[in-house]
């Protein structure tokens, strides 16, 4: 190893820094920034923002109140960092765009990579999009308009148009010279950061890819066709971004070419955008499992109330259904108060067991690990797990009920109800997301409320029904 100054520093390093030091934006720095902002020192506000990485500056803006955020945007207006806009949460970005105005937004859009520009523009309504696009140079406008024509959340929306291509008849030396001595026109379409070079045929169809590391360690006379990977993964422009993320994870890709319906290379997707997609899809699933359509942390209270109200209405309807089932056995409950005391245990255990199964099933569907080919095996396994756990907990709760109320028959009733509900929970936890997925509905959206309804209704019905048959 070469003994460099950096190596010597690393060798003398006491080890990794504490976890809190890894974060560039610290709470005390946010407090200092807020104090400077309130003092009215605009020059210092600008300096503090410019010292931050765009992602940290975006975090700073997100943590401010709308009024303070507008004040900062107006201070930065003359030299607004385009990368800061790309890093913002969608809701906060909408507010920043409103403050900037469409004219200044157009100037910022031009400085962004094509994929980031598209991400910002697609959030605007049609009229605002047209206004901004009319203010953008024709070349950039054409690329962005074409990107907007692709389906939402597709590879066409995710890709960047700047991509490095070379013809099949070049060699390594010609390729390196091209990268080093590109013309001003070529600079306009050259990506700022790239990992692979794509070899294209005369019809601009990709025939292979070359990692930069391999290119730079190969002799100049070697033809690019001898160096390229012909078995590269090519993505159709209309493929869903979730499938793009799956391919990147499966193949350990850093970048991948995107082709149109004719097979011609039109763009490239890189790992940094795929990381954002993975985070976005994960966040969406977590929100939907909680009955929330999207992250509403930065939304106004009235909007958040309206967004959550509809799902709470569905939950109210399912709760009423469970209460109706209980009402069918009101005479049985009046005869024995112990039933009312123990009844929630059966429903709660079924609900928790079903949620465990449901979580695994939804995740497996998202990762494409649960398919029609292995669905019956997975369902069978969950039925066995529910049966075994049901028997074990039947013994436990049966003993508790017997000791608590001094009635062995009550222990038998709640034990049998526990077994049935745990088996039903395992079955529902796998079949509900599979059924929703088959009908083209996101399993994360409605699985939870269906599962809770089933385990509550079955739990109450079986427990009270067995009690009515056996004990009275």
Protein backbone atom coordinates (compact mmCIF):
# COMPACT_ATOMS: atom_id res chain seq x y z
CA UNK A 1 0.00 0.00 0.00
CA UNK A 2 1.23 3.51 -0.80
CA UNK A 3 2.03 5.41 2.37
CA UNK A 4 0.06 8.59 1.86
CA UNK A 5 -0.77 11.29 4.34
CA UNK A 6 -4.43 10.17 4.34
CA UNK A 7 -3.38 6.60 5.14
CA UNK A 8 -1.25 7.77 8.05
CA UNK A 9 -4.15 9.84 9.36
CA UNK A 10 -6.47 6.86 9.11
CA UNK A 11 -3.95 4.63 10.88
CA UNK A 12 -3.75 7.08 13.79
CA UNK A 13 -7.50 7.56 13.91
CA UNK A 14 -9.02 6.52 17.25
CA UNK A 15 -11.92 4.83 15.49
CA UNK A 16 -15.31 5.82 14.09
CA UNK A 17 -16.87 8.99 15.51
CA UNK A 18 -19.84 8.82 17.85
CA UNK A 19 -23.12 8.23 16.03
CA UNK A 20 -24.43 11.75 16.57
CA UNK A 21 -21.31 13.19 14.87
CA UNK A 22 -22.18 11.39 11.65
CA UNK A 23 -25.09 13.79 11.11
CA UNK A 24 -24.01 17.06 9.48
CA UNK A 25 -27.04 19.04 10.63
CA UNK A 26 -27.17 19.19 14.43
CA UNK A 27 -30.03 20.54 16.60
CA UNK A 28 -27.84 23.29 18.06
CA UNK A 29 -26.97 24.47 14.55
CA UNK A 30 -30.65 24.69 13.69
CA UNK A 31 -31.21 26.80 16.79
CA UNK A 32 -28.36 29.13 15.86
CA UNK A 33 -29.76 29.47 12.33
CA UNK A 34 -33.21 30.33 13.64
CA UNK A 35 -31.75 33.00 15.95
CA UNK A 36 -29.80 34.54 13.05
CA UNK A 37 -32.92 34.48 10.87
CA UNK A 38 -35.01 36.21 13.53
CA UNK A 39 -32.26 38.82 13.98
CA UNK A 40 -32.71 39.85 10.34
CA UNK A 41 -29.06 39.27 9.33
CA UNK A 42 -29.72 38.23 5.72
CA UNK A 43 -26.06 37.97 4.75
CA UNK A 44 -25.34 35.56 7.60
CA UNK A 45 -28.46 33.51 6.76
CA UNK A 46 -27.19 33.11 3.21
CA UNK A 47 -23.72 32.11 4.44
CA UNK A 48 -25.10 29.50 6.84
CA UNK A 49 -27.25 27.90 4.13
CA UNK A 50 -24.43 27.89 1.56
CA UNK A 51 -22.11 26.16 4.05
CA UNK A 52 -24.51 23.19 4.20
CA UNK A 53 -24.84 20.28 1.81
CA UNK A 54 -28.05 20.69 -0.26
CA UNK A 55 -29.67 17.75 1.57
CA UNK A 56 -28.93 19.34 4.96
CA UNK A 57 -30.09 22.74 3.74
CA UNK A 58 -33.33 21.07 2.63
CA UNK A 59 -33.75 19.55 6.10
CA UNK A 60 -33.23 23.01 7.58
CA UNK A 61 -35.99 24.48 5.40
CA UNK A 62 -38.35 21.61 6.20
CA UNK A 63 -37.98 22.20 9.95
CA UNK A 64 -38.93 25.89 9.68
CA UNK A 65 -42.43 27.31 9.92
CA UNK A 66 -44.00 28.35 6.57
CA UNK A 67 -43.40 32.05 7.29
CA UNK A 68 -39.74 31.54 8.26
CA UNK A 69 -39.24 29.27 5.24
CA UNK A 70 -40.63 31.93 2.91
CA UNK A 71 -38.25 34.46 4.45
CA UNK A 72 -35.24 32.20 3.77
CA UNK A 73 -36.34 31.49 0.17
CA UNK A 74 -36.61 35.22 -0.52
CA UNK A 75 -33.12 35.76 0.90
CA UNK A 76 -31.72 33.00 -1.36
CA UNK A 77 -33.80 33.94 -4.41
CA UNK A 78 -30.97 35.55 -6.43
CA UNK A 79 -28.69 32.52 -6.01
CA UNK A 80 -31.02 29.63 -5.19
CA UNK A 81 -29.24 26.25 -5.26
CA UNK A 82 -31.12 23.96 -7.72
CA UNK A 83 -29.98 20.83 -5.85
CA UNK A 84 -31.65 22.14 -2.69
CA UNK A 85 -35.00 22.17 -4.50
CA UNK A 86 -34.54 18.55 -5.61
CA UNK A 87 -33.86 17.41 -2.03
CA UNK A 88 -37.01 18.88 -0.47
CA UNK A 89 -40.05 16.95 0.73
CA UNK A 90 -42.83 17.24 -1.88
CA UNK A 91 -45.14 19.26 0.36
CA UNK A 92 -42.39 21.68 1.39
CA UNK A 93 -41.20 21.90 -2.23
CA UNK A 94 -44.69 22.99 -3.30
CA UNK A 95 -44.53 25.81 -0.76
CA UNK A 96 -41.03 26.84 -1.88
CA UNK A 97 -42.16 26.85 -5.52
CA UNK A 98 -45.09 29.12 -4.62
CA UNK A 99 -42.69 31.54 -2.91
CA UNK A 100 -40.14 31.45 -5.75
CA UNK A 101 -42.70 32.04 -8.47
CA UNK A 102 -42.79 30.37 -11.86
CA UNK A 103 -40.27 32.72 -13.50
CA UNK A 104 -37.52 32.05 -10.96
CA UNK A 105 -38.49 28.37 -10.89
CA UNK A 106 -37.79 28.10 -14.63
CA UNK A 107 -34.27 29.46 -14.09
CA UNK A 108 -33.68 26.85 -11.37
CA UNK A 109 -35.12 23.98 -13.46
CA UNK A 110 -32.62 24.59 -16.27
CA UNK A 111 -29.72 23.92 -13.88
CA UNK A 112 -31.07 20.55 -12.70
CA UNK A 113 -30.39 17.10 -14.14
CA UNK A 114 -33.25 16.01 -16.38
CA UNK A 115 -34.60 13.47 -13.86
CA UNK A 116 -34.61 16.00 -11.01
CA UNK A 117 -36.20 18.65 -13.24
CA UNK A 118 -38.94 16.21 -14.16
CA UNK A 119 -39.56 15.35 -10.50
CA UNK A 120 -40.10 19.03 -9.66
CA UNK A 121 -42.27 19.80 -12.68
CA UNK A 122 -44.57 16.80 -12.40
CA UNK A 123 -45.92 18.17 -9.10
CA UNK A 124 -47.23 21.34 -10.80
CA UNK A 125 -50.67 21.56 -12.38
CA UNK A 126 -50.96 21.63 -16.17
CA UNK A 127 -51.17 25.41 -16.47
CA UNK A 128 -48.14 26.02 -14.28
CA UNK A 129 -46.16 23.33 -16.14
CA UNK A 130 -46.85 25.08 -19.45
CA UNK A 131 -45.78 28.44 -18.04
CA UNK A 132 -42.47 27.06 -16.74
CA UNK A 133 -41.78 25.03 -19.89
CA UNK A 134 -42.35 28.08 -22.11
CA UNK A 135 -39.57 29.85 -20.18
CA UNK A 136 -37.09 26.96 -20.62
CA UNK A 137 -34.75 26.71 -23.67
CA UNK A 138 -36.14 24.55 -26.48
CA UNK A 139 -33.66 21.68 -26.09
CA UNK A 140 -34.31 21.19 -22.38
CA UNK A 141 -38.04 21.72 -22.88
CA UNK A 142 -38.31 18.92 -25.43
CA UNK A 143 -36.61 16.40 -23.13
CA UNK A 144 -38.79 17.34 -20.16
CA UNK A 145 -42.03 17.29 -22.18
CA UNK A 146 -41.16 13.83 -23.45
CA UNK A 147 -40.47 12.70 -19.89
CA UNK A 148 -43.86 14.02 -18.73
CA UNK A 149 -45.54 11.93 -21.42
CA UNK A 150 -44.47 8.69 -19.73
CA UNK A 151 -46.65 7.03 -17.03
CA UNK A 152 -46.27 8.28 -13.48
CA UNK A 153 -43.83 6.21 -11.35
CA UNK A 154 -42.36 4.60 -14.49
CA UNK A 155 -38.74 4.26 -15.61
CA UNK A 156 -39.40 7.09 -18.08
CA UNK A 157 -40.10 9.47 -15.21
CA UNK A 158 -37.17 8.19 -13.17
CA UNK A 159 -34.42 8.17 -15.80
CA UNK A 160 -32.03 10.97 -16.68
CA UNK A 161 -31.54 11.76 -20.35
CA UNK A 162 -27.84 12.57 -20.06
CA UNK A 163 -25.98 9.34 -20.92
CA UNK A 164 -22.54 8.53 -22.33
CA UNK A 165 -22.64 6.39 -25.49
CA UNK A 166 -19.94 5.23 -27.91
CA UNK A 167 -20.21 3.40 -31.26
CA UNK A 168 -19.25 -0.25 -31.70
CA UNK A 169 -16.23 0.53 -33.90
CA UNK A 170 -14.36 2.61 -31.29
CA UNK A 171 -11.54 1.41 -29.08
CA UNK A 172 -10.58 2.26 -25.51
CA UNK A 173 -8.26 5.09 -26.55
CA UNK A 174 -10.90 6.82 -28.63
CA UNK A 175 -13.40 6.51 -25.81
CA UNK A 176 -11.06 8.01 -23.22
CA UNK A 177 -10.13 10.86 -25.59
CA UNK A 178 -13.83 11.52 -26.18
CA UNK A 179 -14.47 11.78 -22.45
CA UNK A 180 -11.49 14.09 -21.89
CA UNK A 181 -11.90 16.37 -24.90
CA UNK A 182 -15.63 16.58 -25.43
CA UNK A 183 -16.96 19.65 -27.25
CA UNK A 184 -19.18 22.32 -25.74
CA UNK A 185 -22.21 20.70 -27.37
CA UNK A 186 -21.33 17.35 -25.86
CA UNK A 187 -20.90 18.93 -22.42
CA UNK A 188 -24.55 19.94 -22.50
CA UNK A 189 -25.68 16.31 -22.68
CA UNK A 190 -22.91 14.75 -20.60
CA UNK A 191 -24.01 13.65 -17.09
CA UNK A 192 -22.21 15.21 -14.16
CA UNK A 193 -21.60 11.81 -12.56
CA UNK A 194 -21.73 8.46 -14.34
CA UNK A 195 -20.56 4.89 -13.71
CA UNK A 196 -20.98 3.06 -17.02
CA UNK A 197 -20.49 3.79 -20.72
CA UNK A 198 -22.95 2.23 -23.16
CA UNK A 199 -22.00 0.84 -26.54
CA UNK A 200 -24.70 1.41 -29.17
CA UNK A 201 -25.20 0.15 -32.72
CA UNK A 202 -25.95 2.47 -35.69
CA UNK A 203 -29.68 2.48 -34.77
CA UNK A 204 -28.79 3.67 -31.22
CA UNK A 205 -29.77 0.38 -29.63
CA UNK A 206 -27.59 -0.59 -26.63
CA UNK A 207 -25.45 -3.66 -27.27
CA UNK A 208 -23.26 -3.58 -24.18
CA UNK A 209 -22.01 -1.62 -21.17
CA UNK A 210 -18.51 -0.88 -19.87
CA UNK A 211 -17.81 0.08 -16.23
CA UNK A 212 -15.49 3.07 -16.00
CA UNK A 213 -13.08 1.11 -13.83
CA UNK A 214 -12.63 -1.49 -16.57
CA UNK A 215 -12.23 1.14 -19.28
CA UNK A 216 -9.50 3.01 -17.41
CA UNK A 217 -7.48 -0.16 -16.66
CA UNK A 218 -7.46 -1.50 -20.23
CA UNK A 219 -4.94 -0.78 -22.99
CA UNK A 220 -5.93 1.89 -25.52
CA UNK A 221 -5.99 -0.30 -28.68
CA UNK A 222 -8.57 -2.75 -27.27
CA UNK A 223 -11.95 -2.49 -29.08
CA UNK A 224 -14.88 -1.56 -26.87
CA UNK A 225 -16.78 -4.61 -28.13
CA UNK A 226 -14.10 -6.85 -26.56
CA UNK A 227 -14.51 -5.06 -23.26
CA UNK A 228 -18.26 -4.62 -22.91
CA UNK A 229 -20.80 -6.70 -20.99
CA UNK A 230 -23.27 -7.83 -23.63
CA UNK A 231 -25.57 -9.44 -21.02
CA UNK A 232 -26.62 -6.15 -19.44
CA UNK A 233 -30.09 -5.59 -17.99
CA UNK A 234 -32.15 -3.28 -20.21
CA UNK A 235 -35.25 -1.57 -18.78
CA UNK A 236 -38.35 -0.69 -20.87
CA UNK A 237 -39.36 2.96 -20.51
CA UNK A 238 -42.84 2.07 -19.20
CA UNK A 239 -41.76 -0.40 -16.47
CA UNK A 240 -42.90 0.55 -12.94
CA UNK A 241 -40.29 2.12 -10.66
CA UNK A 242 -40.92 -0.57 -8.03
CA UNK A 243 -39.86 -3.20 -10.57
CA UNK A 244 -36.82 -1.07 -11.39
CA UNK A 245 -35.78 -1.12 -7.73
CA UNK A 246 -36.29 -4.88 -7.61
CA UNK A 247 -34.01 -5.40 -10.64
CA UNK A 248 -31.29 -3.19 -9.14
CA UNK A 249 -31.42 -5.17 -5.89
CA UNK A 250 -31.44 -8.55 -7.62
CA UNK A 251 -28.60 -7.77 -10.03
CA UNK A 252 -26.56 -5.45 -7.75
CA UNK A 253 -26.65 -2.76 -10.45
CA UNK A 254 -25.16 0.71 -10.26
CA UNK A 255 -26.84 1.94 -13.43
CA UNK A 256 -29.06 0.52 -16.16
CA UNK A 257 -30.07 1.72 -19.65
CA UNK A 258 -33.67 2.61 -20.49
CA UNK A 259 -35.03 1.93 -23.98
CA UNK A 260 -38.15 3.03 -25.84
CA UNK A 261 -40.65 0.74 -27.54
CA UNK A 262 -38.30 0.42 -30.51
CA UNK A 263 -35.39 -0.68 -28.33
CA UNK A 264 -33.43 2.59 -28.75
CA UNK A 265 -31.46 3.97 -25.81
CA UNK A 266 -33.16 7.07 -24.44
CA UNK A 267 -31.85 7.38 -20.89
CA UNK A 268 -30.24 5.84 -17.86
CA UNK A 269 -31.28 5.11 -14.27
CA UNK A 270 -28.61 5.34 -11.59
CA UNK A 271 -28.40 3.88 -8.11
CA UNK A 272 -28.93 7.23 -6.32
CA UNK A 273 -32.41 7.51 -7.85
CA UNK A 274 -33.18 3.87 -7.04
CA UNK A 275 -32.31 4.46 -3.37
CA UNK A 276 -34.90 7.26 -3.37
CA UNK A 277 -37.46 4.91 -4.95
CA UNK A 278 -36.82 2.22 -2.34
CA UNK A 279 -37.26 4.77 0.44
CA UNK A 280 -40.40 6.18 -1.21
CA UNK A 281 -42.02 2.78 -1.72
CA UNK A 282 -41.15 1.69 1.82
CA UNK A 283 -42.57 4.92 3.25
CA UNK A 284 -45.73 4.53 1.18
CA UNK A 285 -46.33 0.97 2.41
CA UNK A 286 -45.77 1.98 6.05
CA UNK A 287 -48.23 4.88 5.67
CA UNK A 288 -50.86 2.75 3.97
CA UNK A 289 -50.62 0.07 6.64
CA UNK A 290 -51.50 2.82 9.11
CA UNK A 291 -54.43 3.99 6.98
CA UNK A 292 -52.65 7.16 5.83
CA UNK A 293 -52.36 7.81 2.10
CA UNK A 294 -49.11 9.78 2.26
CA UNK A 295 -46.69 11.55 4.59
CA UNK A 296 -48.69 14.54 5.85
CA UNK A 297 -46.18 15.79 8.44
CA UNK A 298 -45.81 19.14 6.66
CA UNK A 299 -49.44 19.51 5.55
CA UNK A 300 -51.96 21.89 7.10
CA UNK A 301 -54.17 20.53 9.89
CA UNK A 302 -57.38 20.76 7.83
CA UNK A 303 -55.86 18.77 4.94
CA UNK A 304 -54.55 16.11 7.33
CA UNK A 305 -57.97 15.85 9.00
CA UNK A 306 -59.72 15.33 5.65
CA UNK A 307 -57.14 12.78 4.47
CA UNK A 308 -57.47 10.64 7.59
CA UNK A 309 -61.24 10.98 8.06
CA UNK A 310 -62.26 8.64 5.22
CA UNK A 311 -60.16 5.75 6.51
CA UNK A 312 -61.42 6.27 10.06
CA UNK A 313 -64.99 6.04 8.70
CA UNK A 314 -64.15 2.59 7.27
CA UNK A 315 -62.75 1.54 10.64
CA UNK A 316 -65.91 2.78 12.37
CA UNK A 317 -68.04 0.66 10.02
CA UNK A 318 -66.02 -2.46 10.79
CA UNK A 319 -66.19 -1.76 14.52
CA UNK A 320 -69.98 -1.48 14.27
CA UNK A 321 -70.05 -4.85 12.46
CA UNK A 322 -68.14 -6.45 15.35
CA UNK A 323 -70.55 -4.86 17.83
CA UNK A 324 -73.51 -6.25 15.89
CA UNK A 325 -72.06 -9.75 16.31
CA UNK A 326 -71.72 -9.18 20.05
CA UNK A 327 -75.32 -7.93 20.15
CA UNK A 328 -76.51 -11.29 18.80
CA UNK A 329 -75.40 -12.85 22.08
CA UNK A 330 -76.66 -10.23 24.52
CA UNK A 331 -78.73 -12.78 26.42
CA UNK A 332 -75.68 -15.03 26.84
CA UNK A 333 -73.58 -12.12 28.11
CA UNK A 334 -76.25 -11.16 30.64
CA UNK A 335 -76.11 -14.64 32.15
CA UNK A 336 -72.33 -14.63 32.68
CA UNK A 337 -70.25 -11.48 33.18
CA UNK A 338 -67.02 -13.49 32.81
CA UNK A 339 -67.70 -13.80 29.08
CA UNK A 340 -67.60 -10.02 28.67
CA UNK A 341 -64.34 -9.88 30.63
CA UNK A 342 -62.58 -12.59 28.60
CA UNK A 343 -64.06 -11.80 25.17
CA UNK A 344 -61.52 -9.10 24.13
CA UNK A 345 -58.62 -11.53 24.75
CA UNK A 346 -59.68 -13.86 21.95
CA UNK A 347 -60.13 -11.04 19.41
CA UNK A 348 -56.90 -9.29 20.46
CA UNK A 349 -54.75 -12.43 20.18
CA UNK A 350 -56.22 -13.23 16.77
CA UNK A 351 -55.62 -9.68 15.58
CA UNK A 352 -51.99 -9.66 16.73
CA UNK A 353 -51.25 -13.08 15.24
CA UNK A 354 -52.87 -12.05 11.97
CA UNK A 355 -50.87 -8.82 11.85
CA UNK A 356 -47.64 -10.80 12.17
CA UNK A 357 -48.61 -13.00 9.24
CA UNK A 358 -49.93 -10.04 7.25
CA UNK A 359 -46.68 -8.08 7.69
CA UNK A 360 -44.61 -10.99 6.40
CA UNK A 361 -46.99 -11.58 3.47
CA UNK A 362 -47.14 -7.94 2.35
CA UNK A 363 -43.36 -7.65 2.53
CA UNK A 364 -42.92 -10.92 0.60
CA UNK A 365 -45.28 -9.69 -2.12
CA UNK A 366 -43.39 -6.39 -2.41
CA UNK A 367 -40.09 -8.28 -2.69
CA UNK A 368 -41.64 -10.75 -5.16
CA UNK A 369 -40.86 -13.63 -2.81
CA UNK A 370 -44.53 -14.65 -2.51
CA UNK A 371 -45.90 -15.73 -5.88
CA UNK A 372 -48.74 -17.96 -7.17
CA UNK A 373 -46.17 -20.76 -7.47
CA UNK A 374 -45.46 -20.94 -3.72
CA UNK A 375 -48.67 -19.37 -2.32
CA UNK A 376 -50.26 -22.70 -1.31
CA UNK A 377 -47.11 -23.75 0.55
CA UNK A 378 -46.95 -20.43 2.43
CA UNK A 379 -50.66 -20.59 3.32
CA UNK A 380 -50.23 -24.15 4.58
CA UNK A 381 -47.29 -23.13 6.72
CA UNK A 382 -49.20 -20.22 8.28
CA UNK A 383 -52.17 -22.50 9.02
CA UNK A 384 -49.85 -24.88 10.88
CA UNK A 385 -48.24 -21.99 12.78
CA UNK A 386 -51.69 -20.68 13.72
CA UNK A 387 -52.80 -24.14 14.83
CA UNK A 388 -49.72 -24.80 16.99
CA UNK A 389 -49.77 -21.33 18.57
CA UNK A 390 -53.53 -21.64 19.06
CA UNK A 391 -53.13 -24.88 21.00
CA UNK A 392 -50.34 -23.48 23.19
CA UNK A 393 -52.24 -20.30 24.01
CA UNK A 394 -55.46 -22.28 24.49
CA UNK A 395 -53.76 -24.19 27.30
CA UNK A 396 -52.44 -20.96 28.84
CA UNK A 397 -55.66 -18.92 28.68
CA UNK A 398 -57.82 -21.92 29.51
CA UNK A 399 -55.85 -22.42 32.72
CA UNK A 400 -56.05 -18.72 33.54
CA UNK A 401 -59.84 -18.64 32.98
CA UNK A 402 -60.34 -21.79 35.07
CA UNK A 403 -58.26 -20.43 37.94
CA UNK A 404 -59.75 -16.94 37.72
CA UNK A 405 -63.45 -17.88 37.64
CA UNK A 406 -63.29 -21.43 39.01
CA UNK A 407 -65.11 -22.87 35.99
CA UNK A 408 -63.29 -25.53 33.89
CA UNK A 409 -65.97 -25.37 31.17
CA UNK A 410 -65.24 -21.68 30.66
CA UNK A 411 -61.57 -22.59 30.23
CA UNK A 412 -62.47 -25.14 27.54
CA UNK A 413 -64.68 -22.64 25.69
CA UNK A 414 -62.08 -19.88 25.54
CA UNK A 415 -59.37 -22.42 24.64
CA UNK A 416 -61.35 -23.74 21.66
CA UNK A 417 -62.17 -20.19 20.54
CA UNK A 418 -58.47 -19.29 20.75
CA UNK A 419 -57.47 -22.21 18.50
CA UNK A 420 -60.09 -21.36 15.89
CA UNK A 421 -59.29 -17.65 15.81
CA UNK A 422 -55.52 -18.18 15.59
CA UNK A 423 -55.99 -20.52 12.61
CA UNK A 424 -58.33 -18.04 10.95
CA UNK A 425 -55.81 -15.24 11.61
CA UNK A 426 -53.03 -17.19 9.87
CA UNK A 427 -55.28 -17.94 6.90
CA UNK A 428 -56.56 -14.37 6.59
CA UNK A 429 -53.10 -12.87 7.03
CA UNK A 430 -51.88 -14.61 3.87
CA UNK A 431 -54.97 -14.84 1.67
CA UNK A 432 -56.14 -11.22 2.07
CA UNK A 433 -52.97 -9.61 0.61
CA UNK A 434 -52.79 -12.31 -2.08
CA UNK A 435 -56.40 -11.66 -3.11
CA UNK A 436 -55.94 -7.88 -3.16
CA UNK A 437 -52.75 -8.22 -5.19
CA UNK A 438 -54.55 -10.48 -7.68
CA UNK A 439 -57.20 -7.79 -8.25
CA UNK A 440 -54.55 -5.11 -8.75
CA UNK A 441 -55.07 -3.44 -5.34
CA UNK A 442 -52.05 -2.52 -3.23
CA UNK A 443 -52.15 -5.05 -0.35
CA UNK A 444 -50.80 -2.44 2.04
CA UNK A 445 -53.89 -0.26 1.51
CA UNK A 446 -56.76 -2.37 2.80
CA UNK A 447 -55.30 -5.56 4.27
CA UNK A 448 -55.18 -4.27 7.83
CA UNK A 449 -58.81 -3.25 8.15
CA UNK A 450 -60.05 -6.50 6.54
CA UNK A 451 -57.87 -8.58 8.82
CA UNK A 452 -59.00 -6.79 11.99
CA UNK A 453 -62.64 -7.16 11.00
CA UNK A 454 -62.30 -10.89 10.34
CA UNK A 455 -60.41 -11.70 13.56
CA UNK A 456 -62.78 -9.58 15.66
CA UNK A 457 -65.95 -11.01 14.13
CA UNK A 458 -64.73 -14.63 14.16
CA UNK A 459 -63.28 -14.27 17.66
CA UNK A 460 -66.48 -12.87 19.17
CA UNK A 461 -68.78 -15.20 17.22
CA UNK A 462 -66.88 -18.41 18.03
CA UNK A 463 -66.30 -17.57 21.69
CA UNK A 464 -69.85 -16.45 22.44
CA UNK A 465 -71.38 -19.10 20.18
CA UNK A 466 -69.47 -21.93 21.93
CA UNK A 467 -70.39 -20.47 25.29
CA UNK A 468 -74.06 -20.47 24.34
CA UNK A 469 -73.90 -24.08 23.09
CA UNK A 470 -71.79 -25.61 25.86
CA UNK A 471 -72.46 -23.58 28.99
CA UNK A 472 -76.17 -22.70 28.76
